[in-house]
């Protein structure tokens, strides 16, 4: 399969660069969806468009079992700073997380499987809006699931490029593959005054300092040390002048966790931290918005992918996952069927690019490797399940 994938490497690179030149934000992936749907139809796949708003589902084969392969398509609101022929042509938008590569790889999987005799069904899920949620707080995975993208699926596979690992290496483990995520927004209210007479007001900046210390103490002093979690205050806004105590301060931040049972405790502790403002005479408003749950890799699917990757790349190139608290809405799909996501090495040697950065880029030699592993894993799953 890897030999076949390398024969279409030029096409994989062409797709990736085309998508990179024309990035689209979440739920706006109309050009990308059209490119995907047109190629799937040309291969004889049954195609549904408009799934989860701008998603595409392609299907080939017949009956059970059904194995799904998911690729996300959306870009980020970042202005690209790379000097490359395929630089983004859309100001303020770029593929800074590798979703262009994910889409190209999945198109490669479709191409590799187009001539295979499948003992079951392969379903390709091209998902919008992994990076964002809509006006109702729903990400692309949720919207696609609501539109039936996962109906009847017995197993689901995915990958994510990894700029910290070299091409030819993958990583995965059973259990948590990404963190659960949530966000919070708080307004801390005091009483404004002249900066020279703080005793005549109630300084919300002072109140916020105590609140932030309490927020930062939740993980180290309120949670079980064996439950990984992160609470980060990402923004703080209050006041406009050096000599004026403002009426209020606004805070917002992110929450990450691996154990879903910890989520409720974290929310309670955030409320407790904000209540310090009232203890000190002020007031607050708090909104907490839960996001996706952790992605949980199924042990049997991990074993399958490890076996395939070990044969294609050599077992020494299949690594355990480096722990981290990044989040992924692929958790929606793994909650509906056994599944796994692996990390695909894509590092540009000597010039590692960080995801979600204006200079992110990848070594395109990873594309045929990702396509081969997904395609071979899908076939072996179907054959083993018949």
Protein backbone atom coordinates (compact mmCIF):
# COMPACT_ATOMS: atom_id res chain seq x y z
CA UNK A 1 0.00 0.00 0.00
CA UNK A 2 2.87 2.38 0.74
CA UNK A 3 4.27 1.73 -2.75
CA UNK A 4 0.88 2.58 -4.26
CA UNK A 5 0.65 5.71 -2.12
CA UNK A 6 4.07 6.92 -3.24
CA UNK A 7 3.00 6.56 -6.87
CA UNK A 8 0.32 9.22 -6.25
CA UNK A 9 2.55 11.44 -4.08
CA UNK A 10 2.62 14.21 -6.70
CA UNK A 11 -1.17 14.29 -6.71
CA UNK A 12 -1.28 14.36 -2.90
CA UNK A 13 1.09 17.32 -2.87
CA UNK A 14 -0.96 19.08 -5.55
CA UNK A 15 -4.17 18.70 -3.55
CA UNK A 16 -2.51 19.86 -0.36
CA UNK A 17 -1.01 22.95 -1.98
CA UNK A 18 -4.23 23.85 -3.76
CA UNK A 19 -6.16 23.67 -0.49
CA UNK A 20 -3.38 25.58 1.29
CA UNK A 21 -3.57 28.40 -1.26
CA UNK A 22 -7.33 28.68 -0.75
CA UNK A 23 -7.98 28.25 3.00
CA UNK A 24 -11.51 28.53 4.35
CA UNK A 25 -12.70 29.05 7.91
CA UNK A 26 -15.05 26.70 9.75
CA UNK A 27 -18.49 26.20 8.18
CA UNK A 28 -17.31 28.18 5.12
CA UNK A 29 -15.39 25.37 3.37
CA UNK A 30 -17.40 25.56 0.14
CA UNK A 31 -14.50 25.48 -2.33
CA UNK A 32 -12.74 22.70 -0.43
CA UNK A 33 -15.95 20.68 -0.20
CA UNK A 34 -16.52 21.02 -3.93
CA UNK A 35 -12.97 19.83 -4.68
CA UNK A 36 -13.47 16.83 -2.39
CA UNK A 37 -16.92 15.90 -3.71
CA UNK A 38 -15.85 16.18 -7.35
CA UNK A 39 -12.88 13.84 -6.84
CA UNK A 40 -14.91 11.29 -4.89
CA UNK A 41 -17.55 11.21 -7.63
CA UNK A 42 -14.85 10.75 -10.27
CA UNK A 43 -13.75 7.60 -8.40
CA UNK A 44 -17.28 6.22 -8.27
CA UNK A 45 -18.00 6.92 -4.61
CA UNK A 46 -21.48 7.68 -3.42
CA UNK A 47 -21.34 11.27 -2.22
CA UNK A 48 -23.42 13.38 0.14
CA UNK A 49 -22.73 17.09 0.44
CA UNK A 50 -23.98 19.69 2.89
CA UNK A 51 -23.53 17.24 5.77
CA UNK A 52 -23.01 19.25 8.94
CA UNK A 53 -23.45 22.38 6.78
CA UNK A 54 -20.34 22.18 4.61
CA UNK A 55 -19.13 18.63 5.18
CA UNK A 56 -18.85 15.82 2.64
CA UNK A 57 -19.39 12.09 3.08
CA UNK A 58 -18.13 9.64 0.49
CA UNK A 59 -18.91 5.94 0.61
CA UNK A 60 -17.82 2.87 -1.27
CA UNK A 61 -18.65 -0.79 -0.74
CA UNK A 62 -21.74 -2.51 0.57
CA UNK A 63 -23.09 -3.66 3.90
CA UNK A 64 -21.41 -4.19 7.24
CA UNK A 65 -18.91 -3.74 8.68
CA UNK A 66 -18.56 0.00 8.08
CA UNK A 67 -15.22 1.66 8.76
CA UNK A 68 -15.06 5.47 8.66
CA UNK A 69 -12.04 7.70 8.04
CA UNK A 70 -12.29 11.31 9.16
CA UNK A 71 -10.41 14.36 7.87
CA UNK A 72 -11.01 17.96 8.97
CA UNK A 73 -10.96 20.74 6.36
CA UNK A 74 -11.07 24.14 8.09
CA UNK A 75 -8.32 26.74 8.34
CA UNK A 76 -7.50 29.31 11.04
CA UNK A 77 -7.89 33.12 11.21
CA UNK A 78 -4.11 33.67 10.97
CA UNK A 79 -2.25 35.72 8.37
CA UNK A 80 0.40 33.52 6.76
CA UNK A 81 4.01 34.72 6.87
CA UNK A 82 5.63 31.95 4.80
CA UNK A 83 7.44 32.71 1.54
CA UNK A 84 6.40 29.68 -0.50
CA UNK A 85 4.74 29.25 -3.92
CA UNK A 86 1.60 27.88 -2.26
CA UNK A 87 1.20 30.67 0.31
CA UNK A 88 -2.38 31.50 1.28
CA UNK A 89 -4.19 33.75 -1.17
CA UNK A 90 -6.76 34.74 1.45
CA UNK A 91 -5.53 37.54 3.73
CA UNK A 92 -5.90 36.71 7.40
CA UNK A 93 -6.65 33.02 6.83
CA UNK A 94 -4.22 30.09 6.60
CA UNK A 95 -3.90 26.36 7.16
CA UNK A 96 -1.76 26.61 10.27
CA UNK A 97 -2.75 23.24 11.76
CA UNK A 98 -2.33 20.84 8.85
CA UNK A 99 -5.96 20.31 7.93
CA UNK A 100 -4.98 20.85 4.28
CA UNK A 101 -2.72 17.81 4.65
CA UNK A 102 -5.46 15.82 6.39
CA UNK A 103 -7.87 16.49 3.51
CA UNK A 104 -5.27 15.63 0.86
CA UNK A 105 -4.40 12.41 2.70
CA UNK A 106 -8.06 11.36 2.88
CA UNK A 107 -8.44 12.04 -0.85
CA UNK A 108 -5.42 9.80 -1.28
CA UNK A 109 -7.11 7.09 0.79
CA UNK A 110 -10.15 7.35 -1.46
CA UNK A 111 -7.90 6.93 -4.50
CA UNK A 112 -6.05 3.93 -3.04
CA UNK A 113 -9.27 2.16 -2.10
CA UNK A 114 -11.14 2.92 -5.32
CA UNK A 115 -10.01 -0.30 -7.01
CA UNK A 116 -10.01 -2.55 -3.93
CA UNK A 117 -12.57 -5.29 -3.41
CA UNK A 118 -14.01 -4.30 -0.05
CA UNK A 119 -15.67 -6.86 2.25
CA UNK A 120 -17.87 -4.15 3.73
CA UNK A 121 -18.07 -0.37 3.45
CA UNK A 122 -15.56 2.45 3.70
CA UNK A 123 -16.98 5.86 4.60
CA UNK A 124 -14.86 8.98 4.21
CA UNK A 125 -15.95 11.87 6.43
CA UNK A 126 -14.62 15.28 5.39
CA UNK A 127 -15.49 17.47 8.35
CA UNK A 128 -15.87 21.24 8.61
CA UNK A 129 -15.16 23.41 11.64
CA UNK A 130 -12.89 21.40 13.90
CA UNK A 131 -11.35 24.63 15.16
CA UNK A 132 -14.56 26.57 15.89
CA UNK A 133 -18.16 26.22 16.97
CA UNK A 134 -21.25 27.79 15.46
CA UNK A 135 -23.67 30.22 17.07
CA UNK A 136 -25.15 27.36 19.12
CA UNK A 137 -21.76 26.14 20.36
CA UNK A 138 -21.69 23.13 18.01
CA UNK A 139 -18.51 22.10 16.20
CA UNK A 140 -18.35 20.43 12.82
CA UNK A 141 -18.15 16.93 14.28
CA UNK A 142 -21.35 17.49 16.25
CA UNK A 143 -23.17 18.88 13.21
CA UNK A 144 -22.03 15.99 10.99
CA UNK A 145 -23.09 13.44 13.60
CA UNK A 146 -26.50 15.12 13.80
CA UNK A 147 -26.79 14.72 10.03
CA UNK A 148 -26.06 10.99 10.22
CA UNK A 149 -22.40 10.89 9.19
CA UNK A 150 -21.69 8.23 11.82
CA UNK A 151 -24.88 6.18 11.47
CA UNK A 152 -24.04 2.49 11.27
CA UNK A 153 -20.28 3.01 11.65
CA UNK A 154 -18.44 0.15 13.37
CA UNK A 155 -15.00 1.80 13.66
CA UNK A 156 -13.55 5.22 12.91
CA UNK A 157 -9.95 6.21 12.11
CA UNK A 158 -8.16 9.56 11.91
CA UNK A 159 -4.73 11.15 12.03
CA UNK A 160 -3.22 14.50 12.90
CA UNK A 161 0.08 15.80 11.59
CA UNK A 162 2.79 16.25 14.22
CA UNK A 163 5.42 18.91 13.55
CA UNK A 164 7.52 17.71 16.49
CA UNK A 165 8.16 14.27 14.96
CA UNK A 166 10.12 13.35 11.81
CA UNK A 167 8.58 12.04 8.61
CA UNK A 168 8.38 8.25 8.76
CA UNK A 169 7.35 8.16 12.42
CA UNK A 170 3.91 7.92 13.99
CA UNK A 171 2.74 7.83 17.59
CA UNK A 172 -0.36 6.54 19.36
CA UNK A 173 -1.49 4.77 22.52
CA UNK A 174 -4.75 3.35 23.82
CA UNK A 175 -6.65 5.63 26.16
CA UNK A 176 -6.72 9.43 26.07
CA UNK A 177 -5.35 10.79 22.78
CA UNK A 178 -6.30 14.41 23.41
CA UNK A 179 -7.77 16.42 26.24
CA UNK A 180 -11.30 17.48 26.92
CA UNK A 181 -11.80 21.22 26.59
CA UNK A 182 -13.99 24.03 27.88
CA UNK A 183 -13.95 27.82 28.08
CA UNK A 184 -14.95 30.37 30.69
CA UNK A 185 -15.73 34.09 30.69
CA UNK A 186 -15.99 36.19 33.84
CA UNK A 187 -16.75 39.82 34.67
CA UNK A 188 -15.46 41.01 38.05
CA UNK A 189 -17.22 44.14 39.28
CA UNK A 190 -15.99 46.68 41.80
CA UNK A 191 -16.60 50.42 42.10
CA UNK A 192 -14.70 52.94 40.03
CA UNK A 193 -12.69 55.77 41.56
CA UNK A 194 -9.76 58.10 41.00
CA UNK A 195 -6.47 56.24 41.03
CA UNK A 196 -5.15 58.60 43.70
CA UNK A 197 -8.01 57.75 46.08
CA UNK A 198 -8.42 53.94 45.96
CA UNK A 199 -10.16 53.90 49.35
CA UNK A 200 -13.15 55.66 47.78
CA UNK A 201 -13.76 52.83 45.33
CA UNK A 202 -13.43 49.06 45.17
CA UNK A 203 -10.66 48.08 42.77
CA UNK A 204 -11.73 45.19 40.45
CA UNK A 205 -8.09 44.80 39.36
CA UNK A 206 -7.20 44.00 42.97
CA UNK A 207 -10.14 41.58 43.16
CA UNK A 208 -9.08 39.96 39.89
CA UNK A 209 -5.56 39.37 41.20
CA UNK A 210 -6.93 37.24 44.03
CA UNK A 211 -9.29 35.44 41.66
CA UNK A 212 -6.47 34.62 39.21
CA UNK A 213 -4.29 33.25 42.00
CA UNK A 214 -7.19 31.04 43.09
CA UNK A 215 -7.79 29.87 39.51
CA UNK A 216 -4.14 28.96 39.11
CA UNK A 217 -4.25 27.01 42.37
CA UNK A 218 -7.10 24.73 41.31
CA UNK A 219 -4.96 22.16 39.49
CA UNK A 220 -2.16 22.05 42.07
CA UNK A 221 -4.25 22.22 45.24
CA UNK A 222 -7.84 21.14 44.52
CA UNK A 223 -7.55 18.29 41.99
CA UNK A 224 -6.16 14.81 42.45
CA UNK A 225 -2.50 14.98 41.32
CA UNK A 226 -3.10 11.93 39.13
CA UNK A 227 -5.80 13.71 37.10
CA UNK A 228 -4.02 15.79 34.41
CA UNK A 229 -5.63 19.19 33.87
CA UNK A 230 -4.84 22.75 32.81
CA UNK A 231 -6.60 26.02 33.59
CA UNK A 232 -5.26 29.01 31.67
CA UNK A 233 -6.42 32.61 31.89
CA UNK A 234 -5.95 33.70 28.29
CA UNK A 235 -7.23 37.27 28.39
CA UNK A 236 -7.74 40.03 30.92
CA UNK A 237 -9.18 43.46 30.14
CA UNK A 238 -9.92 46.33 32.50
CA UNK A 239 -9.54 50.07 32.51
CA UNK A 240 -8.23 52.56 29.96
CA UNK A 241 -6.30 55.16 31.95
CA UNK A 242 -3.34 55.02 34.31
CA UNK A 243 -5.04 57.09 36.98
CA UNK A 244 -8.55 55.63 36.94
CA UNK A 245 -9.78 52.59 38.85
CA UNK A 246 -12.24 50.88 36.49
CA UNK A 247 -15.70 49.59 37.30
CA UNK A 248 -14.99 46.05 36.11
CA UNK A 249 -12.43 43.62 34.73
CA UNK A 250 -13.14 40.88 32.18
CA UNK A 251 -11.34 37.53 32.24
CA UNK A 252 -11.53 34.56 29.93
CA UNK A 253 -9.68 31.29 29.70
CA UNK A 254 -9.54 27.65 28.71
CA UNK A 255 -9.90 24.41 30.65
CA UNK A 256 -8.27 21.10 29.66
CA UNK A 257 -8.62 17.67 31.27
CA UNK A 258 -8.20 13.98 30.44
CA UNK A 259 -10.68 12.46 32.87
CA UNK A 260 -14.23 13.48 31.97
CA UNK A 261 -15.29 13.03 35.60
CA UNK A 262 -12.97 15.89 36.56
CA UNK A 263 -14.81 18.39 34.37
CA UNK A 264 -17.62 19.05 36.86
CA UNK A 265 -15.17 19.48 39.72
CA UNK A 266 -13.17 22.03 37.74
CA UNK A 267 -16.33 24.00 36.99
CA UNK A 268 -17.23 24.04 40.68
CA UNK A 269 -13.73 25.21 41.59
CA UNK A 270 -13.82 28.03 39.04
CA UNK A 271 -17.07 29.22 40.62
CA UNK A 272 -15.44 29.02 44.05
CA UNK A 273 -12.45 31.06 42.84
CA UNK A 274 -14.69 33.79 41.42
CA UNK A 275 -16.63 33.93 44.68
CA UNK A 276 -13.54 35.52 46.27
CA UNK A 277 -14.61 38.74 44.56
CA UNK A 278 -17.79 38.74 46.64
CA UNK A 279 -15.92 37.88 49.81
CA UNK A 280 -13.85 41.02 49.26
CA UNK A 281 -16.94 43.16 48.64
CA UNK A 282 -17.29 43.02 44.87
CA UNK A 283 -19.40 40.93 42.54
CA UNK A 284 -19.01 38.78 39.43
CA UNK A 285 -20.75 37.10 36.55
CA UNK A 286 -19.45 33.79 35.19
CA UNK A 287 -20.21 31.77 32.09
CA UNK A 288 -18.66 28.35 31.54
CA UNK A 289 -19.06 26.64 28.18
CA UNK A 290 -18.15 22.93 28.03
CA UNK A 291 -16.42 21.89 24.82
CA UNK A 292 -15.48 18.48 23.51
CA UNK A 293 -14.68 15.46 25.64
CA UNK A 294 -11.28 13.74 25.50
CA UNK A 295 -10.57 11.56 22.47
CA UNK A 296 -10.29 8.00 23.79
CA UNK A 297 -8.35 5.63 21.55
CA UNK A 298 -9.81 2.14 21.49
CA UNK A 299 -7.22 -0.52 22.36
CA UNK A 300 -8.15 -2.90 19.54
CA UNK A 301 -8.03 -0.14 16.90
CA UNK A 302 -4.68 1.06 18.26
CA UNK A 303 -3.34 -2.49 17.99
CA UNK A 304 -4.48 -2.66 14.35
CA UNK A 305 -2.88 0.68 13.40
CA UNK A 306 0.32 -0.19 15.24
CA UNK A 307 0.57 -3.49 13.37
CA UNK A 308 0.00 -1.83 10.00
CA UNK A 309 2.42 1.03 10.69
CA UNK A 310 5.02 -1.36 12.07
CA UNK A 311 4.96 -3.37 8.84
CA UNK A 312 5.03 -0.30 6.60
CA UNK A 313 7.56 1.82 8.52
CA UNK A 314 9.32 -0.57 10.90
CA UNK A 315 8.23 -1.12 14.48
CA UNK A 316 10.97 1.19 15.76
CA UNK A 317 9.15 4.09 14.07
CA UNK A 318 5.88 3.52 15.93
CA UNK A 319 6.18 5.50 19.14
CA UNK A 320 4.08 6.10 22.25
CA UNK A 321 2.16 9.37 22.26
CA UNK A 322 3.86 12.37 23.80
CA UNK A 323 1.48 13.60 26.48
CA UNK A 324 -0.21 16.93 25.87
CA UNK A 325 -3.43 18.85 26.52
CA UNK A 326 -4.46 19.75 22.98
CA UNK A 327 -8.14 19.14 22.21
CA UNK A 328 -9.92 17.57 19.23
CA UNK A 329 -13.61 17.24 18.39
CA UNK A 330 -12.87 13.79 16.94
CA UNK A 331 -14.05 12.79 20.42
CA UNK A 332 -17.61 13.13 19.11
CA UNK A 333 -16.97 10.27 16.70
CA UNK A 334 -15.02 8.05 19.12
CA UNK A 335 -17.93 8.34 21.56
CA UNK A 336 -20.17 6.80 18.88
CA UNK A 337 -17.91 3.96 17.67
CA UNK A 338 -14.55 2.43 18.62
CA UNK A 339 -11.84 4.52 17.05
CA UNK A 340 -8.34 5.91 17.22
CA UNK A 341 -6.32 8.89 16.07
CA UNK A 342 -2.59 8.67 15.48
CA UNK A 343 0.00 11.42 15.18
CA UNK A 344 1.82 11.57 11.84
CA UNK A 345 5.36 12.94 11.84
CA UNK A 346 5.73 15.88 9.43
CA UNK A 347 8.69 17.85 10.79
CA UNK A 348 10.75 19.90 8.37
CA UNK A 349 14.22 18.80 9.43
CA UNK A 350 16.23 21.66 10.85
CA UNK A 351 13.23 23.99 10.80
CA UNK A 352 10.45 22.73 13.01
CA UNK A 353 7.23 24.72 12.56
CA UNK A 354 4.79 25.14 15.43
CA UNK A 355 1.09 24.61 14.82
CA UNK A 356 -1.26 27.61 15.01
CA UNK A 357 1.64 29.90 14.04
CA UNK A 358 1.92 32.18 10.96
CA UNK A 359 4.95 30.23 9.71
CA UNK A 360 3.56 26.71 10.14
CA UNK A 361 4.48 24.32 7.34
CA UNK A 362 5.24 20.62 6.95
CA UNK A 363 7.33 18.12 5.04
CA UNK A 364 4.99 16.77 2.37
CA UNK A 365 6.78 13.43 2.43
CA UNK A 366 4.34 12.57 5.23
CA UNK A 367 1.34 12.57 2.87
CA UNK A 368 1.73 9.12 1.23
CA UNK A 369 2.64 7.61 4.60
CA UNK A 370 -0.57 8.84 6.21
CA UNK A 371 -2.67 7.71 3.25
CA UNK A 372 -1.09 4.25 3.20
CA UNK A 373 -1.57 3.63 6.93
CA UNK A 374 -5.21 4.71 6.88
CA UNK A 375 -6.05 2.77 3.72
CA UNK A 376 -4.33 -0.44 4.84
CA UNK A 377 -5.84 -0.20 8.34
CA UNK A 378 -9.32 0.20 6.86
CA UNK A 379 -8.94 -2.85 4.62
CA UNK A 380 -7.58 -5.02 7.44
CA UNK A 381 -10.36 -3.94 9.75
CA UNK A 382 -12.98 -4.94 7.19
CA UNK A 383 -11.30 -8.27 6.46
CA UNK A 384 -10.89 -9.12 10.14
CA UNK A 385 -14.50 -8.25 10.93
CA UNK A 386 -16.19 -10.28 8.20
